[in-house]
Amino acid sequence: MPADELLVDPVAAAHRLLGATLVSRGVRALVVEVEAYGGVPDGPWPDAAAHSYRGRSGRNAVMFGPPGRLYTYRSHGIHVCANVACGPDGTAAAVLLRACAIEDGIEVARRRRGELVRTAALARGPGNLCSALGITMDDNGIDVFDPAAAVTLQLREPLTATAGPRVGVSQAADRPWRLWLAGRPEVSAYRRSPRAPAPGASD
């Protein structure tokens, strides 16, 4: 089963999801940028930047598994962002889908994002990605490996990834847990949170 390939630590899962094909509501896209997130302090992958760090709640329950389920949330209460749960069922971890390259359905994505948005920017950044692909909060918890689901993922052979620190997190800010495909114009720019410690002063 494809979900079994995500029964690994979040960084390994991020490597598997990079280069996957994401299909949602008339748009097909290549995943070109992802970020890994762990879980609680006493878990195998403690991560103070993760939504799950303070334990399970109604909001973050999907992060605790099973793997292959879509975890959606609103960034700043506005933009929907999508993650894919990974690791063993009951253990918190997920991979944020940060950017995609639209391969089919460009006009559908452009209608959602705006006619003046450049093709390379249609799904650049997690909020834009969900907007372009029509992913909503109602998709929280769906199995992305179910062919009948509104949002599906198809894993491909692992691709060579470039790694660097995650974007905009104030905790665990130096971890090289963001992965992307080098040379792709759809990849978002790195922005360090102004609340993060100086580079090299965070785990």
N, C-alpha and C. Protein backbone atom coordinates (compact mmCIF):
# COMPACT_ATOMS: atom_id res chain seq x y z
N MET A 1 0.84 -1.19 0.00
CA MET A 1 0.00 0.00 0.00
C MET A 1 0.88 1.25 0.00
N PRO A 2 0.51 2.29 -0.77
CA PRO A 2 1.34 3.50 -0.81
C PRO A 2 1.54 4.14 0.56
N ALA A 3 0.51 4.10 1.40
CA ALA A 3 0.64 4.73 2.72
C ALA A 3 1.75 4.09 3.54
N ASP A 4 2.04 2.82 3.30
CA ASP A 4 3.09 2.14 4.04
C ASP A 4 4.45 2.79 3.79
N GLU A 5 4.61 3.45 2.64
CA GLU A 5 5.88 4.11 2.35
C GLU A 5 6.07 5.36 3.21
N LEU A 6 5.00 5.78 3.88
CA LEU A 6 5.09 6.94 4.78
C LEU A 6 5.18 6.53 6.24
N LEU A 7 5.36 5.24 6.51
CA LEU A 7 5.55 4.75 7.87
C LEU A 7 7.01 4.93 8.30
N VAL A 8 7.48 6.15 8.17
CA VAL A 8 8.88 6.49 8.40
C VAL A 8 8.94 7.83 9.14
N ASP A 9 10.14 8.26 9.48
CA ASP A 9 10.28 9.55 10.13
C ASP A 9 9.87 10.68 9.17
N PRO A 10 9.53 11.86 9.70
CA PRO A 10 8.99 12.90 8.82
C PRO A 10 9.92 13.37 7.71
N VAL A 11 11.21 13.39 7.94
CA VAL A 11 12.13 13.82 6.88
C VAL A 11 12.16 12.78 5.76
N ALA A 12 12.20 11.50 6.12
CA ALA A 12 12.16 10.45 5.10
C ALA A 12 10.85 10.50 4.34
N ALA A 13 9.76 10.78 5.03
CA ALA A 13 8.46 10.91 4.36
C ALA A 13 8.45 12.10 3.41
N ALA A 14 9.10 13.19 3.82
CA ALA A 14 9.18 14.36 2.95
C ALA A 14 9.92 14.02 1.66
N HIS A 15 10.98 13.23 1.77
CA HIS A 15 11.70 12.79 0.57
C HIS A 15 10.79 11.97 -0.35
N ARG A 16 9.92 11.14 0.24
CA ARG A 16 9.03 10.33 -0.58
C ARG A 16 7.96 11.18 -1.26
N LEU A 17 7.51 12.23 -0.59
CA LEU A 17 6.43 13.06 -1.14
C LEU A 17 6.94 14.07 -2.15
N LEU A 18 8.20 14.44 -2.07
CA LEU A 18 8.77 15.36 -3.05
C LEU A 18 8.79 14.67 -4.42
N GLY A 19 8.20 15.31 -5.41
CA GLY A 19 8.11 14.72 -6.73
C GLY A 19 6.85 13.91 -6.97
N ALA A 20 5.99 13.82 -5.95
CA ALA A 20 4.72 13.11 -6.11
C ALA A 20 3.77 13.91 -7.00
N THR A 21 2.78 13.22 -7.54
CA THR A 21 1.74 13.88 -8.33
C THR A 21 0.53 14.11 -7.43
N LEU A 22 0.11 15.36 -7.35
CA LEU A 22 -1.04 15.75 -6.54
C LEU A 22 -2.18 16.12 -7.49
N VAL A 23 -3.34 15.50 -7.30
CA VAL A 23 -4.50 15.73 -8.17
C VAL A 23 -5.67 16.18 -7.30
N SER A 24 -6.29 17.29 -7.68
CA SER A 24 -7.43 17.80 -6.91
C SER A 24 -8.31 18.67 -7.78
N ARG A 25 -9.55 18.27 -7.92
CA ARG A 25 -10.61 19.09 -8.49
C ARG A 25 -10.22 19.79 -9.79
N GLY A 26 -9.81 18.98 -10.75
CA GLY A 26 -9.52 19.49 -12.08
C GLY A 26 -8.11 19.97 -12.31
N VAL A 27 -7.22 19.80 -11.32
CA VAL A 27 -5.83 20.24 -11.46
C VAL A 27 -4.90 19.09 -11.09
N ARG A 28 -3.87 18.89 -11.92
CA ARG A 28 -2.82 17.91 -11.63
C ARG A 28 -1.51 18.65 -11.50
N ALA A 29 -0.73 18.33 -10.46
CA ALA A 29 0.49 19.10 -10.19
C ALA A 29 1.60 18.21 -9.66
N LEU A 30 2.83 18.68 -9.86
CA LEU A 30 4.03 18.02 -9.34
C LEU A 30 4.45 18.71 -8.05
N VAL A 31 4.62 17.95 -6.98
CA VAL A 31 5.05 18.52 -5.71
C VAL A 31 6.54 18.84 -5.78
N VAL A 32 6.89 20.13 -5.66
CA VAL A 32 8.28 20.56 -5.82
C VAL A 32 8.91 21.08 -4.52
N GLU A 33 8.11 21.21 -3.46
CA GLU A 33 8.65 21.71 -2.20
C GLU A 33 7.80 21.21 -1.04
N VAL A 34 8.45 20.72 0.00
CA VAL A 34 7.76 20.18 1.18
C VAL A 34 8.52 20.57 2.44
N GLU A 35 7.84 20.45 3.58
CA GLU A 35 8.48 20.67 4.88
C GLU A 35 8.04 19.57 5.84
N ALA A 36 8.98 19.02 6.59
CA ALA A 36 8.69 17.97 7.55
C ALA A 36 8.42 18.57 8.93
N TYR A 37 7.48 17.95 9.65
CA TYR A 37 7.16 18.36 11.02
C TYR A 37 6.98 17.12 11.89
N GLY A 38 7.51 17.20 13.10
CA GLY A 38 7.44 16.09 14.04
C GLY A 38 6.30 16.23 15.02
N GLY A 39 6.58 15.95 16.31
CA GLY A 39 5.48 15.90 17.27
C GLY A 39 5.86 16.28 18.68
N VAL A 40 5.35 15.52 19.62
CA VAL A 40 5.39 15.86 21.03
C VAL A 40 6.80 15.72 21.62
N PRO A 41 7.06 16.39 22.75
CA PRO A 41 8.41 16.36 23.35
C PRO A 41 8.91 14.97 23.69
N ASP A 42 8.02 14.07 24.10
CA ASP A 42 8.47 12.72 24.49
C ASP A 42 8.28 11.70 23.37
N GLY A 43 8.03 12.17 22.16
CA GLY A 43 7.89 11.28 21.03
C GLY A 43 9.21 11.06 20.31
N PRO A 44 9.21 10.29 19.25
CA PRO A 44 10.47 9.99 18.54
C PRO A 44 11.03 11.19 17.77
N TRP A 45 10.17 12.16 17.44
CA TRP A 45 10.61 13.31 16.66
C TRP A 45 10.10 14.61 17.29
N PRO A 46 10.58 14.96 18.49
CA PRO A 46 10.08 16.18 19.14
C PRO A 46 10.35 17.40 18.26
N ASP A 47 9.33 18.26 18.16
CA ASP A 47 9.44 19.39 17.24
C ASP A 47 8.58 20.54 17.76
N ALA A 48 9.24 21.54 18.34
CA ALA A 48 8.53 22.67 18.93
C ALA A 48 7.81 23.51 17.89
N ALA A 49 8.14 23.35 16.61
CA ALA A 49 7.48 24.11 15.55
C ALA A 49 6.20 23.43 15.06
N ALA A 50 5.95 22.20 15.49
CA ALA A 50 4.81 21.43 14.99
C ALA A 50 3.53 21.76 15.75
N HIS A 51 2.41 21.73 15.06
CA HIS A 51 1.10 21.94 15.70
C HIS A 51 0.83 20.90 16.77
N SER A 52 1.44 19.73 16.63
CA SER A 52 1.19 18.61 17.53
C SER A 52 2.08 18.64 18.78
N TYR A 53 2.96 19.61 18.92
CA TYR A 53 3.98 19.58 19.97
C TYR A 53 3.37 19.53 21.37
N ARG A 54 2.24 20.21 21.56
CA ARG A 54 1.61 20.25 22.89
C ARG A 54 0.60 19.13 23.11
N GLY A 55 0.57 18.18 22.19
CA GLY A 55 -0.30 17.04 22.35
C GLY A 55 -1.48 17.05 21.40
N ARG A 56 -2.21 15.97 21.45
CA ARG A 56 -3.34 15.77 20.54
C ARG A 56 -4.51 16.66 20.93
N SER A 57 -5.17 17.19 19.92
CA SER A 57 -6.36 18.01 20.12
C SER A 57 -7.32 17.76 18.95
N GLY A 58 -8.51 18.32 19.03
CA GLY A 58 -9.43 18.18 17.93
C GLY A 58 -8.88 18.78 16.65
N ARG A 59 -8.08 19.84 16.79
CA ARG A 59 -7.54 20.53 15.62
C ARG A 59 -6.47 19.73 14.92
N ASN A 60 -5.58 19.10 15.68
CA ASN A 60 -4.41 18.47 15.06
C ASN A 60 -4.48 16.94 15.05
N ALA A 61 -5.63 16.36 15.35
CA ALA A 61 -5.73 14.90 15.53
C ALA A 61 -5.24 14.12 14.32
N VAL A 62 -5.43 14.66 13.12
CA VAL A 62 -5.02 13.93 11.91
C VAL A 62 -3.51 13.75 11.86
N MET A 63 -2.74 14.66 12.48
CA MET A 63 -1.29 14.53 12.50
C MET A 63 -0.83 13.26 13.21
N PHE A 64 -1.70 12.69 14.05
CA PHE A 64 -1.34 11.51 14.83
C PHE A 64 -1.65 10.21 14.07
N GLY A 65 -2.00 10.33 12.80
CA GLY A 65 -2.16 9.16 11.96
C GLY A 65 -3.60 8.77 11.76
N PRO A 66 -3.79 7.76 10.91
CA PRO A 66 -2.79 6.95 10.21
C PRO A 66 -2.09 7.72 9.09
N PRO A 67 -0.99 7.19 8.58
CA PRO A 67 -0.26 7.87 7.50
C PRO A 67 -1.10 7.94 6.24
N GLY A 68 -0.86 9.00 5.46
CA GLY A 68 -1.57 9.16 4.20
C GLY A 68 -2.85 9.95 4.32
N ARG A 69 -3.17 10.45 5.51
CA ARG A 69 -4.36 11.28 5.68
C ARG A 69 -3.98 12.75 5.55
N LEU A 70 -4.88 13.52 4.97
CA LEU A 70 -4.65 14.93 4.74
C LEU A 70 -5.01 15.73 5.99
N TYR A 71 -4.07 16.51 6.46
CA TYR A 71 -4.29 17.41 7.60
C TYR A 71 -4.33 18.84 7.07
N THR A 72 -5.50 19.47 7.16
CA THR A 72 -5.63 20.84 6.70
C THR A 72 -5.82 21.78 7.88
N TYR A 73 -5.31 22.98 7.75
CA TYR A 73 -5.48 24.01 8.79
C TYR A 73 -5.45 25.37 8.12
N ARG A 74 -5.88 26.38 8.85
CA ARG A 74 -5.85 27.74 8.33
C ARG A 74 -4.65 28.49 8.91
N SER A 75 -3.83 29.04 8.03
CA SER A 75 -2.70 29.86 8.43
C SER A 75 -3.19 31.28 8.68
N HIS A 76 -2.91 31.80 9.86
CA HIS A 76 -3.36 33.14 10.25
C HIS A 76 -4.88 33.27 10.14
N GLY A 77 -5.57 32.14 10.23
CA GLY A 77 -7.02 32.16 10.15
C GLY A 77 -7.58 32.42 8.77
N ILE A 78 -6.72 32.44 7.75
CA ILE A 78 -7.16 32.83 6.41
C ILE A 78 -6.89 31.74 5.38
N HIS A 79 -5.61 31.41 5.19
CA HIS A 79 -5.20 30.54 4.09
C HIS A 79 -5.22 29.07 4.51
N VAL A 80 -5.86 28.23 3.71
CA VAL A 80 -5.85 26.79 3.97
C VAL A 80 -4.51 26.22 3.55
N CYS A 81 -3.92 25.39 4.41
CA CYS A 81 -2.66 24.71 4.11
C CYS A 81 -2.89 23.21 4.27
N ALA A 82 -2.15 22.41 3.51
CA ALA A 82 -2.35 20.96 3.51
C ALA A 82 -1.07 20.22 3.85
N ASN A 83 -1.21 19.23 4.73
CA ASN A 83 -0.12 18.35 5.14
C ASN A 83 -0.55 16.91 4.91
N VAL A 84 0.41 16.02 4.83
CA VAL A 84 0.14 14.59 4.75
C VAL A 84 0.73 13.93 5.98
N ALA A 85 -0.12 13.25 6.75
CA ALA A 85 0.35 12.58 7.96
C ALA A 85 1.30 11.45 7.58
N CYS A 86 2.28 11.21 8.46
CA CYS A 86 3.26 10.15 8.22
C CYS A 86 3.62 9.52 9.55
N GLY A 87 4.50 8.52 9.50
CA GLY A 87 4.88 7.81 10.71
C GLY A 87 3.81 6.82 11.15
N PRO A 88 4.09 6.04 12.20
CA PRO A 88 3.13 5.04 12.68
C PRO A 88 1.85 5.69 13.19
N ASP A 89 0.74 4.99 13.05
CA ASP A 89 -0.53 5.47 13.57
C ASP A 89 -0.40 5.69 15.08
N GLY A 90 -0.82 6.86 15.53
CA GLY A 90 -0.72 7.22 16.94
C GLY A 90 0.48 8.08 17.27
N THR A 91 1.40 8.23 16.33
CA THR A 91 2.59 9.06 16.53
C THR A 91 2.50 10.28 15.63
N ALA A 92 2.65 11.47 16.22
CA ALA A 92 2.44 12.70 15.47
C ALA A 92 3.61 13.01 14.54
N ALA A 93 3.28 13.24 13.27
CA ALA A 93 4.25 13.70 12.27
C ALA A 93 3.47 13.98 10.99
N ALA A 94 3.95 14.93 10.22
CA ALA A 94 3.29 15.26 8.95
C ALA A 94 4.26 16.02 8.07
N VAL A 95 3.90 16.09 6.79
CA VAL A 95 4.71 16.81 5.81
C VAL A 95 3.82 17.87 5.16
N LEU A 96 4.24 19.12 5.28
CA LEU A 96 3.52 20.23 4.67
C LEU A 96 3.83 20.28 3.17
N LEU A 97 2.78 20.39 2.36
CA LEU A 97 2.96 20.57 0.92
C LEU A 97 3.13 22.06 0.66
N ARG A 98 4.35 22.48 0.32
CA ARG A 98 4.65 23.90 0.24
C ARG A 98 4.47 24.49 -1.15
N ALA A 99 4.79 23.74 -2.19
CA ALA A 99 4.69 24.30 -3.54
C ALA A 99 4.54 23.19 -4.57
N CYS A 100 3.84 23.51 -5.64
CA CYS A 100 3.63 22.58 -6.74
C CYS A 100 3.84 23.28 -8.07
N ALA A 101 4.15 22.50 -9.06
CA ALA A 101 4.17 22.95 -10.45
C ALA A 101 2.94 22.39 -11.13
N ILE A 102 2.06 23.25 -11.61
CA ILE A 102 0.83 22.81 -12.26
C ILE A 102 1.17 22.17 -13.61
N GLU A 103 0.74 20.94 -13.80
CA GLU A 103 1.01 20.22 -15.04
C GLU A 103 -0.22 20.11 -15.93
N ASP A 104 -1.39 20.13 -15.33
CA ASP A 104 -2.63 20.05 -16.10
C ASP A 104 -3.70 20.82 -15.33
N GLY A 105 -4.58 21.51 -16.05
CA GLY A 105 -5.61 22.30 -15.39
C GLY A 105 -5.15 23.69 -15.04
N ILE A 106 -4.20 24.23 -15.80
CA ILE A 106 -3.66 25.56 -15.50
C ILE A 106 -4.76 26.62 -15.50
N GLU A 107 -5.67 26.55 -16.46
CA GLU A 107 -6.73 27.56 -16.51
C GLU A 107 -7.68 27.44 -15.33
N VAL A 108 -7.91 26.22 -14.86
CA VAL A 108 -8.73 26.03 -13.65
C VAL A 108 -8.05 26.69 -12.46
N ALA A 109 -6.74 26.42 -12.32
CA ALA A 109 -5.99 27.01 -11.22
C ALA A 109 -5.95 28.53 -11.33
N ARG A 110 -5.83 29.04 -12.53
CA ARG A 110 -5.76 30.50 -12.72
C ARG A 110 -7.09 31.17 -12.38
N ARG A 111 -8.19 30.51 -12.67
CA ARG A 111 -9.49 31.08 -12.29
C ARG A 111 -9.60 31.18 -10.77
N ARG A 112 -9.02 30.23 -10.07
CA ARG A 112 -9.07 30.25 -8.61
C ARG A 112 -8.11 31.28 -8.02
N ARG A 113 -6.98 31.47 -8.66
CA ARG A 113 -5.93 32.33 -8.10
C ARG A 113 -5.96 33.74 -8.67
N GLY A 114 -6.48 33.91 -9.87
CA GLY A 114 -6.49 35.23 -10.49
C GLY A 114 -5.82 35.18 -11.85
N GLU A 115 -6.39 35.89 -12.79
CA GLU A 115 -5.91 35.83 -14.17
C GLU A 115 -4.51 36.40 -14.35
N LEU A 116 -4.08 37.28 -13.46
CA LEU A 116 -2.78 37.94 -13.62
C LEU A 116 -1.64 37.19 -12.95
N VAL A 117 -1.96 36.11 -12.23
CA VAL A 117 -0.90 35.36 -11.53
C VAL A 117 -0.10 34.55 -12.54
N ARG A 118 1.24 34.68 -12.46
CA ARG A 118 2.11 33.94 -13.37
C ARG A 118 1.98 32.44 -13.11
N THR A 119 2.17 31.65 -14.16
CA THR A 119 2.01 30.21 -14.06
C THR A 119 2.89 29.62 -12.97
N ALA A 120 4.14 30.05 -12.89
CA ALA A 120 5.06 29.51 -11.89
C ALA A 120 4.64 29.83 -10.46
N ALA A 121 3.82 30.87 -10.29
CA ALA A 121 3.41 31.30 -8.95
C ALA A 121 2.03 30.79 -8.55
N LEU A 122 1.37 30.05 -9.42
CA LEU A 122 0.00 29.62 -9.12
C LEU A 122 -0.10 28.81 -7.84
N ALA A 123 0.85 27.91 -7.61
CA ALA A 123 0.82 27.05 -6.43
C ALA A 123 2.11 27.16 -5.64
N ARG A 124 2.68 28.35 -5.63
CA ARG A 124 3.92 28.61 -4.87
C ARG A 124 3.54 29.12 -3.48
N GLY A 125 3.90 28.36 -2.47
CA GLY A 125 3.50 28.66 -1.11
C GLY A 125 2.30 27.82 -0.72
N PRO A 126 2.22 27.36 0.53
CA PRO A 126 1.18 26.40 0.92
C PRO A 126 -0.24 26.91 0.78
N GLY A 127 -0.48 28.19 1.08
CA GLY A 127 -1.82 28.73 0.91
C GLY A 127 -2.22 28.83 -0.55
N ASN A 128 -1.31 29.27 -1.38
CA ASN A 128 -1.58 29.36 -2.82
C ASN A 128 -1.78 27.98 -3.43
N LEU A 129 -1.03 27.00 -2.94
CA LEU A 129 -1.17 25.64 -3.43
C LEU A 129 -2.60 25.15 -3.21
N CYS A 130 -3.11 25.32 -2.00
CA CYS A 130 -4.47 24.85 -1.72
C CYS A 130 -5.51 25.64 -2.51
N SER A 131 -5.29 26.93 -2.66
CA SER A 131 -6.21 27.74 -3.45
C SER A 131 -6.25 27.27 -4.89
N ALA A 132 -5.08 27.07 -5.50
CA ALA A 132 -5.00 26.67 -6.90
C ALA A 132 -5.63 25.30 -7.15
N LEU A 133 -5.47 24.39 -6.19
CA LEU A 133 -5.98 23.03 -6.37
C LEU A 133 -7.35 22.82 -5.75
N GLY A 134 -7.93 23.86 -5.20
CA GLY A 134 -9.28 23.75 -4.65
C GLY A 134 -9.37 22.92 -3.39
N ILE A 135 -8.28 22.84 -2.62
CA ILE A 135 -8.27 22.08 -1.37
C ILE A 135 -8.85 22.96 -0.26
N THR A 136 -9.79 22.41 0.52
CA THR A 136 -10.50 23.18 1.54
C THR A 136 -10.37 22.51 2.90
N MET A 137 -10.89 23.18 3.92
CA MET A 137 -10.89 22.61 5.26
C MET A 137 -11.74 21.34 5.33
N ASP A 138 -12.71 21.21 4.45
CA ASP A 138 -13.54 20.02 4.44
C ASP A 138 -12.76 18.78 4.03
N ASP A 139 -11.56 18.95 3.48
CA ASP A 139 -10.75 17.81 3.06
C ASP A 139 -9.94 17.23 4.22
N ASN A 140 -10.02 17.83 5.38
CA ASN A 140 -9.27 17.34 6.53
C ASN A 140 -9.62 15.88 6.83
N GLY A 141 -8.59 15.04 6.91
CA GLY A 141 -8.78 13.65 7.28
C GLY A 141 -8.97 12.67 6.13
N ILE A 142 -9.06 13.15 4.89
CA ILE A 142 -9.28 12.21 3.79
C ILE A 142 -8.01 11.40 3.51
N ASP A 143 -8.20 10.24 2.95
CA ASP A 143 -7.10 9.35 2.58
C ASP A 143 -6.65 9.71 1.17
N VAL A 144 -5.47 10.28 1.04
CA VAL A 144 -5.01 10.75 -0.27
C VAL A 144 -4.60 9.61 -1.19
N PHE A 145 -4.54 8.39 -0.66
CA PHE A 145 -4.23 7.24 -1.50
C PHE A 145 -5.48 6.45 -1.89
N ASP A 146 -6.65 6.98 -1.55
CA ASP A 146 -7.91 6.40 -1.99
C ASP A 146 -8.23 6.98 -3.37
N PRO A 147 -8.29 6.15 -4.41
CA PRO A 147 -8.53 6.68 -5.76
C PRO A 147 -9.83 7.46 -5.89
N ALA A 148 -10.78 7.21 -5.00
CA ALA A 148 -12.08 7.89 -5.08
C ALA A 148 -12.09 9.21 -4.33
N ALA A 149 -11.00 9.56 -3.65
CA ALA A 149 -10.96 10.79 -2.87
C ALA A 149 -10.88 12.02 -3.77
N ALA A 150 -11.35 13.15 -3.25
CA ALA A 150 -11.31 14.39 -4.02
C ALA A 150 -9.90 14.90 -4.21
N VAL A 151 -9.00 14.55 -3.30
CA VAL A 151 -7.58 14.93 -3.38
C VAL A 151 -6.76 13.66 -3.29
N THR A 152 -5.91 13.41 -4.29
CA THR A 152 -5.13 12.18 -4.29
C THR A 152 -3.65 12.47 -4.55
N LEU A 153 -2.81 11.56 -4.08
CA LEU A 153 -1.38 11.62 -4.32
C LEU A 153 -0.91 10.32 -4.96
N GLN A 154 0.01 10.45 -5.89
CA GLN A 154 0.66 9.29 -6.49
C GLN A 154 2.15 9.45 -6.27
N LEU A 155 2.74 8.53 -5.51
CA LEU A 155 4.18 8.59 -5.24
C LEU A 155 4.95 8.13 -6.47
N ARG A 156 6.08 8.76 -6.71
CA ARG A 156 6.97 8.41 -7.80
C ARG A 156 8.32 7.98 -7.23
N GLU A 157 9.25 7.65 -8.09
CA GLU A 157 10.60 7.34 -7.61
C GLU A 157 11.18 8.57 -6.94
N PRO A 158 11.88 8.39 -5.80
CA PRO A 158 12.46 9.55 -5.09
C PRO A 158 13.37 10.37 -6.00
N LEU A 159 13.30 11.68 -5.86
CA LEU A 159 14.12 12.59 -6.64
C LEU A 159 15.20 13.21 -5.75
N THR A 160 16.24 13.71 -6.37
CA THR A 160 17.30 14.37 -5.62
C THR A 160 16.79 15.69 -5.05
N ALA A 161 16.92 15.85 -3.76
CA ALA A 161 16.37 17.01 -3.07
C ALA A 161 17.47 17.94 -2.56
N THR A 162 17.15 19.22 -2.52
CA THR A 162 17.97 20.20 -1.82
C THR A 162 17.30 20.46 -0.48
N ALA A 163 18.08 20.60 0.58
CA ALA A 163 17.52 20.76 1.92
C ALA A 163 17.96 22.08 2.54
N GLY A 164 17.09 22.65 3.35
CA GLY A 164 17.41 23.88 4.07
C GLY A 164 16.42 24.10 5.19
N PRO A 165 16.58 25.17 5.97
CA PRO A 165 15.68 25.42 7.10
C PRO A 165 14.26 25.73 6.65
N ARG A 166 13.32 25.46 7.54
CA ARG A 166 11.92 25.68 7.24
C ARG A 166 11.59 27.18 7.22
N VAL A 167 10.52 27.50 6.52
CA VAL A 167 10.14 28.90 6.31
C VAL A 167 9.26 29.39 7.45
N GLY A 168 9.61 30.53 8.02
CA GLY A 168 8.72 31.25 8.92
C GLY A 168 8.49 30.67 10.30
N VAL A 169 9.23 29.63 10.70
CA VAL A 169 9.02 29.06 12.04
C VAL A 169 9.94 29.75 13.03
N SER A 170 9.45 29.95 14.24
CA SER A 170 10.26 30.63 15.26
C SER A 170 10.94 29.64 16.20
N GLN A 171 10.48 28.38 16.21
CA GLN A 171 11.08 27.32 17.01
C GLN A 171 11.73 26.30 16.09
N ALA A 172 12.80 25.66 16.58
CA ALA A 172 13.51 24.66 15.76
C ALA A 172 13.77 25.20 14.37
N ALA A 173 14.24 26.43 14.31
CA ALA A 173 14.29 27.18 13.05
C ALA A 173 15.46 26.81 12.15
N ASP A 174 16.46 26.13 12.68
CA ASP A 174 17.63 25.81 11.86
C ASP A 174 17.60 24.39 11.28
N ARG A 175 16.61 23.62 11.63
CA ARG A 175 16.56 22.26 11.10
C ARG A 175 16.41 22.28 9.58
N PRO A 176 17.20 21.50 8.87
CA PRO A 176 17.08 21.46 7.40
C PRO A 176 15.96 20.52 6.98
N TRP A 177 14.75 20.84 7.42
CA TRP A 177 13.61 19.97 7.19
C TRP A 177 12.72 20.46 6.06
N ARG A 178 13.18 21.46 5.31
CA ARG A 178 12.48 21.85 4.08
C ARG A 178 13.24 21.26 2.91
N LEU A 179 12.54 20.60 2.01
CA LEU A 179 13.15 19.98 0.84
C LEU A 179 12.52 20.54 -0.42
N TRP A 180 13.33 20.72 -1.45
CA TRP A 180 12.80 21.23 -2.71
C TRP A 180 13.61 20.71 -3.87
N LEU A 181 13.02 20.84 -5.06
CA LEU A 181 13.70 20.45 -6.30
C LEU A 181 14.44 21.66 -6.83
N ALA A 182 15.74 21.57 -6.88
CA ALA A 182 16.57 22.71 -7.30
C ALA A 182 16.23 23.13 -8.72
N GLY A 183 16.25 24.44 -8.95
CA GLY A 183 16.05 24.98 -10.27
C GLY A 183 14.60 25.16 -10.69
N ARG A 184 13.67 24.77 -9.83
CA ARG A 184 12.26 24.91 -10.17
C ARG A 184 11.78 26.32 -9.79
N PRO A 185 11.21 27.08 -10.73
CA PRO A 185 10.77 28.44 -10.41
C PRO A 185 9.56 28.47 -9.49
N GLU A 186 8.90 27.34 -9.31
CA GLU A 186 7.72 27.31 -8.45
C GLU A 186 8.06 27.26 -6.96
N VAL A 187 9.31 26.97 -6.63
CA VAL A 187 9.72 26.87 -5.22
C VAL A 187 9.67 28.25 -4.56
N SER A 188 9.18 28.30 -3.34
CA SER A 188 9.04 29.57 -2.64
C SER A 188 10.38 30.07 -2.12
N ALA A 189 10.45 31.36 -1.87
CA ALA A 189 11.67 31.97 -1.33
C ALA A 189 11.77 31.68 0.17
N TYR A 190 12.99 31.55 0.66
CA TYR A 190 13.18 31.32 2.10
C TYR A 190 13.03 32.64 2.85
N ARG A 191 12.18 32.60 3.87
CA ARG A 191 12.02 33.75 4.77
C ARG A 191 12.09 33.26 6.20
N ARG A 192 13.07 33.75 6.92
CA ARG A 192 13.22 33.36 8.33
C ARG A 192 12.30 34.21 9.18
N SER A 193 11.67 33.56 10.16
CA SER A 193 10.79 34.30 11.06
C SER A 193 11.57 35.34 11.84
N PRO A 194 11.06 36.57 11.97
CA PRO A 194 11.75 37.57 12.78
C PRO A 194 11.78 37.19 14.26
N ARG A 195 10.96 36.24 14.66
CA ARG A 195 10.94 35.79 16.06
C ARG A 195 11.90 34.63 16.32
N ALA A 196 12.53 34.11 15.27
CA ALA A 196 13.45 33.00 15.43
C ALA A 196 14.79 33.49 15.98
N PRO A 197 15.50 32.63 16.72
CA PRO A 197 16.85 32.99 17.17
C PRO A 197 17.76 33.25 15.97
N ALA A 198 18.89 33.86 16.24
CA ALA A 198 19.86 34.09 15.17
C ALA A 198 20.26 32.76 14.53
N PRO A 199 20.56 32.74 13.24
CA PRO A 199 20.97 31.49 12.61
C PRO A 199 22.10 30.81 13.37
N GLY A 200 21.94 29.52 13.61
CA GLY A 200 22.92 28.76 14.37
C GLY A 200 22.60 28.66 15.84
N ALA A 201 21.59 29.41 16.30
CA ALA A 201 21.25 29.42 17.73
C ALA A 201 20.00 28.60 18.02
N SER A 202 19.50 27.90 17.01
CA SER A 202 18.29 27.09 17.18
C SER A 202 18.59 25.68 16.72
N ASP A 203 17.79 24.72 17.23
CA ASP A 203 18.05 23.34 16.83
C ASP A 203 17.48 23.06 15.43
